[in-house]
Every structure is written in C-alpha cells, then in structure tokens.
Amino acid sequence: MRQRPPSCQGCPLEHKGTDFSIVSGTGSLGVMAVGEASGDSEAREQRPFVEWAPAGSLLERTLRRMTLDRAQFSITNVCRCHPPGDFLAGAPYEFAALNHCRQHLVAAVAERQPKVRSEERRVGKECRSR
C-alpha cells in the first residue's frame, strides 16, 4: 500500500480510504483525464483507470480508436484513495471528500500544466461549485 499523504489529514476519508493511486502517464499531449476516485482494481494497482476495470477499459478502447497512446496523457482521480464500498457517489461525505481532495488535483494540474482537462462532468461541477 502506498503511504497515506499528509494532506489527507482532516479528509472525511482519512481513516476510511485505502490504497492510494498516483498520476499516471507523461502528459506529453497536454491532456489530463480526471476521474472521481479509485475503484477496487485501481486501488490494488495503485494507478487510475486500469485497463481491465470498467472505466479504464472504456478509456483504453476510446484511445485505441483514435490511435493515441495512453502514456501520452496525464490520468488521475480527484480522490486518490479507494473509498469504502468501492463508491463515492451518493455517500454522505462525497462533497466534503471531493473538496478536500481537490488540492491533489490542483497540484497535479500545476505540475503537468495540461492544455485540456477532461473530467467526469459531475466531479468537475462539484469541485468548482463548492
């Protein structure tokens, strides 16, 4: 298991979330894909959107159809840990966790400086509106 970042202190998932993922890919195309939180498969592999999980499989098929290499993208999640029950949507702590974890996304964007950021519509809306 990847070490829990110090910035997790005070997050609603601080003592509930497990297995932290990192930002994957080089970002050489200037594109960042952002999901909500790690699922079970992502948590085990400690990277977002693994190829055999549902969201990762969809991402892989889409990139293949466009003849793009996954490694050229920056890929991450707002919440880098795996929430209990393998879901965050609808949990009583959902918005508080997204807002607390937003700092990881802000740091990743500052570091990678993507020209385009694609995020799950609801995640982007909630992070900006709270």
Protein backbone atom coordinates (compact mmCIF):
# COMPACT_ATOMS: atom_id res chain seq x y z
CA MET A 1 0.00 0.00 0.00
CA ARG A 2 1.24 3.46 -0.92
CA GLN A 3 1.87 5.75 2.06
CA ARG A 4 -1.06 7.99 3.02
CA PRO A 5 -0.17 11.59 2.05
CA PRO A 6 -0.02 14.10 4.95
CA SER A 7 -2.62 16.20 3.12
CA CYS A 8 -5.21 13.50 3.90
CA GLN A 9 -5.42 14.77 7.47
CA GLY A 10 -8.90 16.19 8.02
CA CYS A 11 -10.45 14.46 5.00
CA PRO A 12 -13.68 12.51 5.59
CA LEU A 13 -11.88 9.53 4.00
CA GLU A 14 -8.77 9.91 6.19
CA HIS A 15 -9.44 6.70 8.11
CA LYS A 16 -11.75 5.05 5.59
CA GLY A 17 -9.93 5.28 2.25
CA THR A 18 -7.26 2.76 1.32
CA ASP A 19 -4.57 2.21 -1.33
CA PHE A 20 -3.54 5.49 -2.88
CA SER A 21 -3.03 5.97 -6.62
CA ILE A 22 -0.77 8.44 -8.37
CA VAL A 23 -0.97 10.46 -11.57
CA SER A 24 -0.06 8.17 -14.46
CA GLY A 25 1.27 9.00 -17.91
CA THR A 26 3.63 11.67 -19.17
CA GLY A 27 1.08 14.23 -20.24
CA SER A 28 3.15 14.91 -23.35
CA LEU A 29 -0.01 15.58 -25.39
CA GLY A 30 -1.07 18.25 -22.91
CA VAL A 31 -4.26 16.36 -21.97
CA MET A 32 -5.33 15.30 -18.47
CA ALA A 33 -8.18 12.84 -17.80
CA VAL A 34 -9.70 13.11 -14.32
CA GLY A 35 -11.98 10.62 -12.59
CA GLU A 36 -13.75 10.75 -9.26
CA ALA A 37 -11.96 8.15 -7.09
CA SER A 38 -10.07 4.88 -7.37
CA GLY A 39 -12.14 1.75 -7.76
CA ASP A 40 -11.15 -1.62 -6.37
CA SER A 41 -8.91 -2.55 -9.34
CA GLU A 42 -7.24 0.87 -9.38
CA ALA A 43 -6.61 0.65 -5.65
CA ARG A 44 -4.88 -2.72 -5.99
CA GLU A 45 -2.70 -1.48 -8.86
CA GLN A 46 -2.23 1.98 -7.31
CA ARG A 47 -2.90 3.76 -10.59
CA PRO A 48 -6.06 5.27 -12.08
CA PHE A 49 -8.19 3.78 -14.85
CA VAL A 50 -6.56 0.33 -15.08
CA GLU A 51 -7.22 -1.31 -18.43
CA TRP A 52 -9.38 -4.21 -17.18
CA ALA A 53 -11.69 -2.14 -14.94
CA PRO A 54 -14.87 -0.68 -16.48
CA ALA A 55 -13.77 2.98 -16.72
CA GLY A 56 -10.22 2.07 -17.72
CA SER A 57 -11.48 -0.32 -20.39
CA LEU A 58 -13.65 2.41 -21.90
CA LEU A 59 -10.71 4.84 -21.84
CA GLU A 60 -8.43 2.26 -23.50
CA ARG A 61 -10.95 1.49 -26.28
CA THR A 62 -11.51 5.19 -26.93
CA LEU A 63 -7.79 5.95 -27.15
CA ARG A 64 -7.16 2.91 -29.37
CA ARG A 65 -9.89 4.02 -31.79
CA MET A 66 -8.19 7.41 -32.02
CA THR A 67 -4.75 5.72 -32.36
CA LEU A 68 -3.49 7.51 -29.25
CA ASP A 69 -1.13 6.14 -26.63
CA ARG A 70 -2.34 6.20 -23.03
CA ALA A 71 1.17 7.05 -21.82
CA GLN A 72 0.93 10.45 -23.56
CA PHE A 73 -1.91 11.54 -21.24
CA SER A 74 -1.90 12.54 -17.58
CA ILE A 75 -4.52 10.38 -15.87
CA THR A 76 -5.66 10.86 -12.28
CA ASN A 77 -8.59 10.99 -9.86
CA VAL A 78 -9.75 13.80 -7.60
CA CYS A 79 -9.76 11.40 -4.63
CA ARG A 80 -6.60 9.36 -4.82
CA CYS A 81 -7.73 6.76 -2.31
CA HIS A 82 -10.20 3.91 -2.64
CA PRO A 83 -13.41 4.88 -0.79
CA PRO A 84 -15.24 2.25 1.27
CA GLY A 85 -17.75 0.15 -0.60
CA ASP A 86 -15.99 0.98 -3.89
CA PHE A 87 -18.07 4.11 -4.41
CA LEU A 88 -18.10 7.77 -3.52
CA ALA A 89 -21.18 8.98 -5.39
CA GLY A 90 -24.08 9.42 -3.01
CA ALA A 91 -22.04 8.81 0.13
CA PRO A 92 -22.82 11.29 2.93
CA TYR A 93 -19.20 12.52 2.81
CA GLU A 94 -19.00 12.74 -1.01
CA PHE A 95 -18.82 16.52 -1.44
CA ALA A 96 -16.60 17.09 1.58
CA ALA A 97 -14.16 14.44 0.32
CA LEU A 98 -14.10 15.85 -3.23
CA ASN A 99 -13.49 19.34 -1.93
CA HIS A 100 -10.78 18.23 0.48
CA CYS A 101 -9.04 16.09 -2.15
CA ARG A 102 -9.29 18.82 -4.79
CA GLN A 103 -5.88 20.07 -3.61
CA HIS A 104 -4.30 16.94 -5.17
CA LEU A 105 -5.92 17.74 -8.49
CA VAL A 106 -4.87 21.39 -8.32
CA ALA A 107 -1.27 20.31 -7.61
CA ALA A 108 -1.30 17.78 -10.47
CA VAL A 109 -2.65 20.40 -12.89
CA ALA A 110 0.01 22.90 -11.76
CA GLU A 111 2.75 20.29 -12.19
CA ARG A 112 1.60 18.84 -15.55
CA GLN A 113 0.11 22.06 -16.98
CA PRO A 114 -2.32 20.37 -19.37
CA LYS A 115 -3.80 22.37 -22.21
CA VAL A 116 -7.00 20.30 -21.99
CA ARG A 117 -8.56 18.69 -18.92
CA SER A 118 -11.31 16.11 -19.31
CA GLU A 119 -13.16 15.22 -16.15
CA GLU A 120 -16.27 13.39 -15.20
CA ARG A 121 -18.96 16.06 -15.60
CA ARG A 122 -20.37 15.76 -12.07
CA VAL A 123 -16.91 15.77 -10.46
CA GLY A 124 -15.83 18.93 -12.22
CA LYS A 125 -19.09 20.68 -11.41
CA GLU A 126 -18.99 19.74 -7.72
CA CYS A 127 -15.33 20.70 -7.29
CA ARG A 128 -15.94 24.11 -8.79
CA SER A 129 -19.27 24.86 -7.13
CA ARG A 130 -18.43 24.10 -3.51
